[in-house]
N, C-alpha and C. Protein backbone atom coordinates (compact mmCIF):
# COMPACT_ATOMS: atom_id res chain seq x y z
N MET A 1 68.71 6.97 -25.27
CA MET A 1 68.89 5.50 -25.85
C MET A 1 68.63 4.75 -25.72
N ASN A 2 68.41 4.01 -27.57
CA ASN A 2 67.53 2.54 -27.49
C ASN A 2 68.08 1.49 -27.17
N LYS A 3 67.66 0.64 -27.13
CA LYS A 3 67.83 -0.99 -26.90
C LYS A 3 68.99 -1.35 -27.58
N GLU A 4 69.42 -1.18 -29.05
CA GLU A 4 69.98 -1.80 -29.67
C GLU A 4 71.69 -0.60 -29.40
N ASP A 5 71.25 0.18 -28.36
CA ASP A 5 72.59 0.97 -28.05
C ASP A 5 73.34 0.59 -26.99
N MET A 6 72.36 -0.29 -26.32
CA MET A 6 72.87 -0.65 -24.90
C MET A 6 73.25 -2.25 -25.26
N ILE A 7 73.02 -3.16 -25.93
CA ILE A 7 73.64 -4.03 -26.39
C ILE A 7 74.83 -4.07 -27.36
N ARG A 8 76.06 -4.64 -26.39
CA ARG A 8 77.28 -4.91 -27.03
C ARG A 8 77.55 -6.20 -26.61
N THR A 9 78.63 -6.39 -27.76
CA THR A 9 79.09 -7.66 -28.51
C THR A 9 80.47 -7.83 -28.27
N TYR A 10 81.16 -8.84 -27.56
CA TYR A 10 82.33 -9.16 -27.52
C TYR A 10 83.08 -9.84 -27.91
N SER A 11 84.73 -10.26 -27.81
CA SER A 11 85.01 -11.37 -28.30
C SER A 11 86.28 -11.05 -28.00
N GLN A 12 87.69 -10.55 -28.83
CA GLN A 12 88.77 -11.29 -28.23
C GLN A 12 89.14 -11.07 -26.75
N ASP A 13 89.72 -11.62 -26.73
CA ASP A 13 90.81 -11.67 -25.07
C ASP A 13 91.55 -10.60 -24.83
N LEU A 14 91.65 -9.75 -24.26
CA LEU A 14 92.40 -8.23 -24.25
C LEU A 14 93.91 -9.00 -23.44
N SER A 15 94.05 -9.90 -22.05
CA SER A 15 94.86 -10.85 -21.69
C SER A 15 95.32 -11.24 -22.38
N GLY A 16 95.39 -12.21 -23.51
CA GLY A 16 95.68 -12.60 -23.90
C GLY A 16 96.11 -13.95 -23.46
N GLY A 17 94.98 -14.53 -22.77
CA GLY A 17 94.96 -15.63 -22.02
C GLY A 17 95.96 -15.47 -20.45
N LEU A 18 96.18 -14.46 -20.19
CA LEU A 18 97.21 -14.33 -18.99
C LEU A 18 96.08 -14.15 -17.65
N GLU A 19 94.82 -14.09 -17.75
CA GLU A 19 93.85 -14.48 -16.58
C GLU A 19 93.22 -15.05 -16.36
N ASN A 20 92.75 -15.45 -15.40
CA ASN A 20 91.67 -16.92 -15.32
C ASN A 20 90.47 -16.83 -16.29
N VAL A 21 89.96 -15.57 -16.07
CA VAL A 21 88.57 -15.46 -17.23
C VAL A 21 89.65 -14.45 -17.92
N PRO A 22 88.68 -14.57 -19.46
CA PRO A 22 89.30 -13.70 -20.18
C PRO A 22 88.67 -11.90 -19.82
N VAL A 23 89.82 -11.23 -20.48
CA VAL A 23 89.16 -9.73 -20.33
C VAL A 23 88.34 -9.58 -21.67
N LEU A 24 87.10 -9.18 -22.10
CA LEU A 24 86.87 -9.03 -23.38
C LEU A 24 87.10 -8.04 -23.90
N ILE A 25 86.96 -7.55 -25.31
CA ILE A 25 87.02 -6.09 -26.11
C ILE A 25 85.71 -6.41 -26.83
N GLU A 26 85.10 -4.85 -26.53
CA GLU A 26 83.77 -4.97 -27.40
C GLU A 26 84.17 -5.13 -28.79
N ASN A 27 83.41 -5.68 -29.62
CA ASN A 27 83.15 -5.22 -31.42
C ASN A 27 83.82 -4.15 -31.92
N SER A 28 83.24 -3.05 -31.08
CA SER A 28 82.76 -1.84 -32.12
C SER A 28 84.43 -0.97 -31.59
N VAL A 29 85.35 -1.33 -30.74
CA VAL A 29 86.39 -0.76 -30.12
C VAL A 29 87.53 -1.17 -31.42
N PRO A 30 88.07 0.41 -31.61
CA PRO A 30 88.68 0.17 -32.96
C PRO A 30 90.12 -0.25 -32.86
N LYS A 31 90.69 -1.05 -33.45
CA LYS A 31 91.96 -2.37 -33.24
C LYS A 31 93.43 -1.11 -32.86
N GLU A 32 93.08 0.04 -33.35
CA GLU A 32 94.26 1.32 -33.06
C GLU A 32 94.18 1.62 -31.87
N ALA A 33 93.08 1.35 -30.96
CA ALA A 33 93.11 1.84 -29.82
C ALA A 33 93.61 1.14 -28.73
N PHE A 34 94.64 -0.17 -29.32
CA PHE A 34 94.95 -0.88 -28.40
C PHE A 34 97.09 -1.53 -29.81
N SER A 35 97.23 -0.30 -30.37
CA SER A 35 98.48 -0.53 -30.85
C SER A 35 99.61 -0.33 -29.80
N ASN A 36 99.64 0.50 -29.05
CA ASN A 36 100.77 0.59 -28.23
C ASN A 36 100.23 -0.07 -26.82
N PHE A 37 99.40 -0.89 -26.81
CA PHE A 37 99.38 -1.70 -25.52
C PHE A 37 99.80 -3.00 -24.97
N GLN A 38 100.62 -2.65 -24.02
CA GLN A 38 100.88 -4.34 -23.13
C GLN A 38 100.27 -4.82 -21.98
N TYR A 39 99.46 -5.84 -22.41
CA TYR A 39 99.08 -6.62 -20.71
C TYR A 39 100.01 -6.59 -19.99
N VAL A 40 99.82 -6.35 -18.56
CA VAL A 40 100.55 -6.83 -17.58
C VAL A 40 100.30 -7.53 -16.55
N LEU A 41 100.81 -8.35 -15.44
CA LEU A 41 99.97 -8.71 -14.62
C LEU A 41 100.49 -8.06 -13.01
N GLU A 42 101.73 -7.14 -13.13
CA GLU A 42 101.74 -6.35 -12.36
C GLU A 42 102.00 -5.28 -12.18
N SER A 43 102.48 -4.34 -10.93
CA SER A 43 102.56 -2.71 -11.28
C SER A 43 103.55 -2.58 -11.87
N VAL A 44 103.80 -1.38 -12.80
CA VAL A 44 105.06 -1.50 -13.45
C VAL A 44 105.43 -0.26 -13.43
N GLN A 45 106.58 -0.04 -12.82
CA GLN A 45 106.67 2.28 -12.68
C GLN A 45 106.83 2.57 -13.68
N GLY A 46 106.53 3.82 -13.87
CA GLY A 46 106.43 5.13 -14.94
C GLY A 46 107.84 5.48 -14.88
N PRO A 47 107.97 6.06 -15.71
CA PRO A 47 109.38 6.80 -15.83
C PRO A 47 109.56 8.15 -14.93
N GLY A 48 110.93 8.03 -14.49
CA GLY A 48 110.41 8.96 -13.29
C GLY A 48 110.48 8.52 -11.68
N CYS A 49 109.97 6.85 -11.75
CA CYS A 49 109.49 7.16 -10.59
C CYS A 49 110.87 6.31 -9.92
N ASP A 50 111.10 6.33 -8.71
CA ASP A 50 112.28 6.01 -8.05
C ASP A 50 112.02 5.53 -6.93
N ILE A 51 110.54 5.00 -6.82
CA ILE A 51 110.28 4.30 -5.39
C ILE A 51 110.57 2.91 -5.68
N ASP A 52 111.33 1.90 -4.36
CA ASP A 52 111.33 0.79 -4.64
C ASP A 52 110.30 0.19 -3.93
N PRO A 53 109.87 -0.30 -4.97
CA PRO A 53 108.01 -1.23 -4.29
C PRO A 53 108.27 -2.04 -3.28
N SER A 54 109.90 -3.16 -3.02
CA SER A 54 109.53 -3.26 -1.74
C SER A 54 109.99 -2.56 -0.47
N ALA A 55 110.35 -1.55 -0.71
CA ALA A 55 110.41 -0.61 0.27
C ALA A 55 109.31 -0.27 1.02
N VAL A 56 107.96 -0.76 0.41
CA VAL A 56 106.82 -0.18 0.84
C VAL A 56 105.84 -1.35 1.11
N THR A 57 106.39 -2.62 0.95
CA THR A 57 105.31 -3.56 1.21
C THR A 57 105.74 -4.32 2.76
N LEU A 58 104.61 -4.56 3.09
CA LEU A 58 104.59 -4.36 4.78
C LEU A 58 105.07 -5.76 5.27
N PRO A 59 105.50 -5.60 6.35
CA PRO A 59 106.29 -6.79 6.44
C PRO A 59 105.16 -8.08 7.18
N GLY A 60 106.01 -9.09 6.81
CA GLY A 60 105.04 -10.51 6.68
C GLY A 60 104.66 -11.07 8.18
N CYS A 61 103.44 -12.03 8.13
CA CYS A 61 103.33 -12.54 9.40
C CYS A 61 103.98 -14.17 9.45
N SER A 62 103.99 -14.09 10.54
CA SER A 62 104.62 -15.67 10.56
C SER A 62 103.82 -16.77 10.76
N CYS A 63 102.81 -16.88 10.45
CA CYS A 63 101.34 -17.89 10.68
C CYS A 63 101.91 -19.41 9.74
N ARG A 64 101.74 -20.51 10.07
CA ARG A 64 102.33 -20.90 9.59
C ARG A 64 100.82 -22.13 9.26
N VAL A 65 99.99 -21.64 8.71
CA VAL A 65 98.41 -21.99 8.54
C VAL A 65 98.10 -22.04 7.55
N GLN A 66 97.01 -22.68 7.19
CA GLN A 66 96.64 -22.37 5.64
C GLN A 66 95.77 -20.95 5.68
N SER A 67 95.03 -20.62 6.63
CA SER A 67 94.27 -19.24 6.43
C SER A 67 94.57 -18.55 7.82
N CYS A 68 94.99 -17.25 7.76
CA CYS A 68 95.57 -16.63 9.06
C CYS A 68 93.86 -16.69 9.74
N LEU A 69 94.01 -16.46 11.34
CA LEU A 69 93.37 -15.97 12.07
C LEU A 69 93.18 -14.76 12.91
N PRO A 70 92.46 -13.91 12.87
CA PRO A 70 92.41 -12.58 13.65
C PRO A 70 93.27 -12.55 14.64
N ASP A 71 93.19 -13.22 15.91
CA ASP A 71 93.86 -13.10 17.16
C ASP A 71 95.00 -13.80 17.10
N SER A 72 95.61 -14.13 15.91
CA SER A 72 97.26 -14.48 15.89
C SER A 72 97.73 -14.04 14.86
N CYS A 73 97.44 -13.51 13.66
CA CYS A 73 97.91 -12.66 12.60
C CYS A 73 98.31 -11.03 12.34
N HIS A 74 99.73 -10.79 12.68
CA HIS A 74 99.79 -9.30 12.66
C HIS A 74 99.38 -9.08 11.39
N CYS A 75 99.10 -9.20 10.31
CA CYS A 75 98.40 -8.56 9.08
C CYS A 75 96.77 -8.70 8.86
N LEU A 76 96.43 -9.22 10.31
CA LEU A 76 94.50 -9.08 10.87
C LEU A 76 94.92 -8.16 12.10
N ARG A 77 95.35 -7.69 12.26
CA ARG A 77 95.48 -6.83 13.67
C ARG A 77 94.14 -5.66 13.93
N PHE A 78 93.70 -5.23 12.58
CA PHE A 78 92.80 -4.47 12.46
C PHE A 78 91.12 -5.44 12.93
N GLY A 79 91.40 -6.35 12.48
CA GLY A 79 90.28 -7.59 12.10
C GLY A 79 90.50 -8.05 10.82
N GLN A 80 89.29 -9.17 10.75
CA GLN A 80 89.08 -9.99 9.57
C GLN A 80 88.54 -8.78 8.43
N THR A 81 89.52 -8.91 7.31
CA THR A 81 89.19 -8.03 6.37
C THR A 81 87.85 -8.53 5.54
N TYR A 82 87.93 -10.08 4.79
CA TYR A 82 87.14 -10.27 4.52
C TYR A 82 86.45 -11.58 4.81
N ASP A 83 85.15 -11.73 3.95
CA ASP A 83 84.23 -12.76 4.54
C ASP A 83 85.04 -14.32 3.79
N SER A 84 84.22 -15.52 4.33
CA SER A 84 84.58 -16.34 3.74
C SER A 84 84.30 -16.49 2.07
N LYS A 85 83.88 -15.98 1.84
CA LYS A 85 83.54 -15.55 0.01
C LYS A 85 84.81 -14.72 -0.55
N GLY A 86 85.50 -13.77 0.25
CA GLY A 86 86.46 -12.80 -0.17
C GLY A 86 85.72 -11.70 -0.42
N ARG A 87 84.97 -11.99 0.18
CA ARG A 87 83.96 -10.52 -0.16
C ARG A 87 84.41 -9.34 1.31
N LEU A 88 84.64 -8.16 0.87
CA LEU A 88 85.29 -7.09 1.82
C LEU A 88 84.11 -7.03 2.88
N ASN A 89 84.34 -6.71 4.24
CA ASN A 89 83.47 -6.71 5.36
C ASN A 89 83.10 -5.77 5.57
N GLN A 90 82.11 -4.77 5.48
CA GLN A 90 81.50 -3.81 5.51
C GLN A 90 81.44 -3.25 6.87
N GLN A 91 82.09 -3.86 7.53
CA GLN A 91 82.13 -3.08 8.90
C GLN A 91 82.84 -1.57 9.18
N GLN A 92 82.46 -0.11 9.78
CA GLN A 92 82.77 0.62 9.89
C GLN A 92 83.34 1.01 11.39
N GLU A 93 84.49 1.46 11.61
CA GLU A 93 84.69 1.79 12.91
C GLU A 93 83.95 3.11 13.42
N ASP A 94 84.41 3.32 15.12
CA ASP A 94 83.45 3.88 15.36
C ASP A 94 83.33 5.65 15.32
N ASP A 95 84.51 6.56 14.19
CA ASP A 95 84.46 7.35 13.61
C ASP A 95 83.70 7.65 12.38
N GLY A 96 83.42 6.59 11.88
CA GLY A 96 82.34 6.55 10.60
C GLY A 96 83.07 6.06 9.23
N PHE A 97 84.27 5.58 9.56
CA PHE A 97 85.40 5.16 8.45
C PHE A 97 85.59 3.60 8.75
N SER A 98 85.78 3.29 7.02
CA SER A 98 86.07 1.83 7.33
C SER A 98 87.76 1.48 7.60
N ARG A 99 88.18 0.57 8.16
CA ARG A 99 89.19 0.17 8.91
C ARG A 99 90.54 -0.42 7.15
N PRO A 100 91.83 0.44 7.55
CA PRO A 100 92.47 -0.45 6.61
C PRO A 100 92.34 -1.34 6.41
N VAL A 101 92.97 -2.10 5.49
CA VAL A 101 93.02 -3.62 4.79
C VAL A 101 94.23 -3.69 5.02
N PHE A 102 95.15 -4.52 5.19
CA PHE A 102 96.57 -5.07 5.25
C PHE A 102 96.28 -6.70 4.80
N GLU A 103 96.62 -7.13 3.32
CA GLU A 103 96.95 -8.03 3.31
C GLU A 103 97.88 -9.14 2.90
N CYS A 104 97.58 -10.15 3.91
CA CYS A 104 99.03 -11.21 3.46
C CYS A 104 99.53 -11.07 2.58
N ASN A 105 101.42 -10.98 2.24
CA ASN A 105 101.75 -10.73 1.48
C ASN A 105 102.91 -12.13 0.76
N ALA A 106 103.44 -11.79 -0.26
CA ALA A 106 104.77 -12.70 -0.59
C ALA A 106 106.17 -13.02 0.64
N LEU A 107 106.14 -12.10 1.64
CA LEU A 107 107.20 -12.23 2.68
C LEU A 107 105.87 -12.83 3.96
N CYS A 108 104.61 -13.40 4.09
CA CYS A 108 103.91 -14.13 4.76
C CYS A 108 104.61 -15.60 4.70
N ALA A 109 104.42 -16.43 5.65
CA ALA A 109 104.46 -17.41 6.02
C ALA A 109 103.06 -18.47 5.52
N CYS A 110 101.82 -18.02 5.53
CA CYS A 110 100.87 -18.64 5.64
C CYS A 110 100.83 -19.09 3.90
N SER A 111 99.63 -20.12 3.79
CA SER A 111 99.79 -20.16 1.99
C SER A 111 98.75 -19.35 1.69
N GLU A 112 99.17 -19.82 -0.15
CA GLU A 112 99.04 -18.85 -1.23
C GLU A 112 97.49 -18.48 -0.74
N SER A 113 96.51 -19.82 -0.38
CA SER A 113 95.17 -19.83 -0.61
C SER A 113 94.74 -19.23 0.76
N CYS A 114 95.26 -18.26 1.54
CA CYS A 114 95.01 -17.87 2.56
C CYS A 114 93.93 -16.98 2.30
N GLN A 115 92.76 -17.22 3.50
CA GLN A 115 91.40 -15.74 2.97
C GLN A 115 91.70 -14.55 3.21
N ASN A 116 93.29 -13.83 3.58
CA ASN A 116 93.26 -12.58 3.43
C ASN A 116 94.70 -12.15 2.39
N ARG A 117 93.92 -12.77 1.32
CA ARG A 117 95.03 -12.88 0.18
C ARG A 117 93.96 -12.65 -1.00
N VAL A 118 93.34 -11.50 -1.64
CA VAL A 118 92.24 -11.45 -2.31
C VAL A 118 92.96 -10.12 -3.43
N VAL A 119 93.17 -9.16 -2.96
CA VAL A 119 93.50 -8.56 -3.84
C VAL A 119 94.66 -8.56 -4.70
N GLN A 120 95.59 -9.12 -4.09
CA GLN A 120 96.95 -10.03 -4.93
C GLN A 120 96.19 -10.68 -6.59
N LYS A 121 94.96 -11.57 -6.23
CA LYS A 121 94.65 -12.38 -6.97
C LYS A 121 94.61 -12.04 -8.35
N TRP A 122 94.52 -12.67 -9.86
CA TRP A 122 94.06 -12.61 -10.66
C TRP A 122 92.52 -12.17 -10.73
N VAL A 123 92.49 -11.59 -12.34
CA VAL A 123 90.52 -11.34 -12.14
C VAL A 123 90.54 -12.66 -12.51
N GLU A 124 89.10 -12.45 -11.19
CA GLU A 124 88.15 -13.64 -11.44
C GLU A 124 86.63 -13.39 -11.75
N VAL A 125 86.39 -12.02 -12.48
CA VAL A 125 85.33 -11.51 -12.56
C VAL A 125 85.54 -11.43 -14.14
N ARG A 126 84.12 -11.49 -14.98
CA ARG A 126 84.29 -11.59 -16.06
C ARG A 126 84.65 -9.44 -16.57
N LEU A 127 85.32 -9.63 -17.24
CA LEU A 127 85.10 -8.14 -17.77
C LEU A 127 85.52 -7.59 -18.96
N GLY A 128 84.64 -6.25 -19.34
CA GLY A 128 84.80 -5.93 -20.66
C GLY A 128 85.17 -4.31 -21.15
N VAL A 129 85.73 -4.47 -21.78
CA VAL A 129 86.91 -3.00 -22.43
C VAL A 129 85.45 -2.50 -23.53
N PHE A 130 85.14 -1.42 -23.29
CA PHE A 130 84.34 -0.37 -24.40
C PHE A 130 84.58 0.58 -24.29
N SER A 131 83.91 1.43 -25.92
CA SER A 131 84.06 2.66 -26.36
C SER A 131 83.67 3.66 -25.21
N THR A 132 83.80 4.75 -25.14
CA THR A 132 82.95 5.55 -24.48
C THR A 132 82.43 6.91 -25.15
N LYS A 133 81.97 7.66 -25.91
CA LYS A 133 81.87 8.60 -26.85
C LYS A 133 82.67 9.65 -26.65
N ASP A 134 82.93 10.04 -25.34
CA ASP A 134 83.48 11.20 -25.13
C ASP A 134 84.42 11.04 -24.10
N ARG A 135 84.93 9.54 -23.59
CA ARG A 135 86.12 9.43 -22.30
C ARG A 135 86.88 8.39 -22.60
N GLY A 136 87.45 8.06 -24.02
CA GLY A 136 88.26 7.10 -24.58
C GLY A 136 87.36 5.57 -24.20
N LEU A 137 88.06 4.57 -23.91
CA LEU A 137 87.78 3.38 -23.12
C LEU A 137 87.31 2.95 -21.87
N GLY A 138 86.50 2.23 -21.13
CA GLY A 138 85.93 1.99 -20.40
C GLY A 138 85.54 0.40 -19.98
N VAL A 139 86.12 0.17 -18.65
CA VAL A 139 85.87 -1.08 -17.98
C VAL A 139 84.69 -1.66 -17.72
N GLU A 140 83.99 -2.52 -17.81
CA GLU A 140 82.86 -2.91 -16.63
C GLU A 140 82.42 -4.25 -16.43
N ALA A 141 81.97 -4.59 -15.73
CA ALA A 141 81.68 -6.42 -15.08
C ALA A 141 80.59 -6.89 -15.88
N LEU A 142 80.69 -7.66 -16.57
CA LEU A 142 79.93 -8.43 -17.21
C LEU A 142 79.15 -9.72 -16.56
N GLU A 143 79.16 -9.53 -15.30
CA GLU A 143 78.56 -10.29 -14.21
C GLU A 143 77.64 -9.35 -13.31
N ARG A 144 77.01 -10.22 -12.99
CA ARG A 144 76.37 -9.27 -11.35
C ARG A 144 77.57 -9.68 -10.26
N LEU A 145 77.84 -8.36 -9.61
CA LEU A 145 78.59 -8.14 -8.49
C LEU A 145 78.25 -8.25 -6.89
N PRO A 146 78.34 -8.93 -5.69
CA PRO A 146 77.66 -8.91 -4.99
C PRO A 146 78.54 -7.65 -4.08
N CYS A 147 77.85 -7.22 -2.70
CA CYS A 147 78.62 -6.29 -2.24
C CYS A 147 79.78 -6.91 -1.91
N GLY A 148 80.74 -6.15 -2.16
CA GLY A 148 81.91 -6.35 -1.40
C GLY A 148 83.19 -7.13 -2.18
N ARG A 149 82.62 -7.29 -3.59
CA ARG A 149 83.10 -8.36 -4.06
C ARG A 149 84.39 -7.29 -4.55
N PHE A 150 86.16 -7.90 -4.79
CA PHE A 150 86.98 -6.91 -5.74
C PHE A 150 86.94 -7.36 -6.77
N VAL A 151 86.88 -7.14 -7.22
CA VAL A 151 87.00 -6.87 -9.18
C VAL A 151 88.41 -6.64 -10.22
N SER A 152 88.93 -6.21 -9.68
CA SER A 152 90.53 -5.87 -10.64
C SER A 152 91.47 -4.75 -10.17
N TRP A 153 92.44 -4.87 -10.27
CA TRP A 153 93.29 -3.53 -10.53
C TRP A 153 93.16 -2.70 -11.63
N LEU A 154 93.60 -1.78 -11.85
CA LEU A 154 93.53 -1.42 -13.46
C LEU A 154 94.53 -0.23 -13.48
N HIS A 155 95.42 -0.58 -14.30
CA HIS A 155 96.92 0.47 -14.48
C HIS A 155 96.46 1.33 -15.91
N CYS A 156 96.52 2.50 -15.94
CA CYS A 156 96.64 2.98 -17.45
C CYS A 156 97.46 4.00 -17.34
N LEU A 157 98.10 4.56 -18.77
CA LEU A 157 98.81 5.65 -18.98
C LEU A 157 98.10 6.11 -20.00
């Protein structure tokens, strides 16, 4: 692959301004790739899905603070999930697996700026959508990512 093949140029914002930062589309992606496309900020149940999303939401914490603390928050019962910069702690349990992530949620009494609310935030990393030769469209980060950084949810049909 030569250098010209590796350089991509991006323009239009796929999110239409809905995200904190634009989700850019590579200029070579054909417009018809998005002819039946709608950008959404929340999960949308597909046809035939009968699960009520509120039924699988964890109960909220009763912390009435700016940011929850591991020794007093039910959502952090397995330990602090993120560091002060919102990056996933890379600690493993004795069995070699990472502990589960339980974030504070809409049912919690803590602040929206709680350190234990990362995945539910909007896109904060510059992303680009590009064409692949044989697999349709792909998404890439357009900036360097530190270890443990959450990038985005991706829902595709």
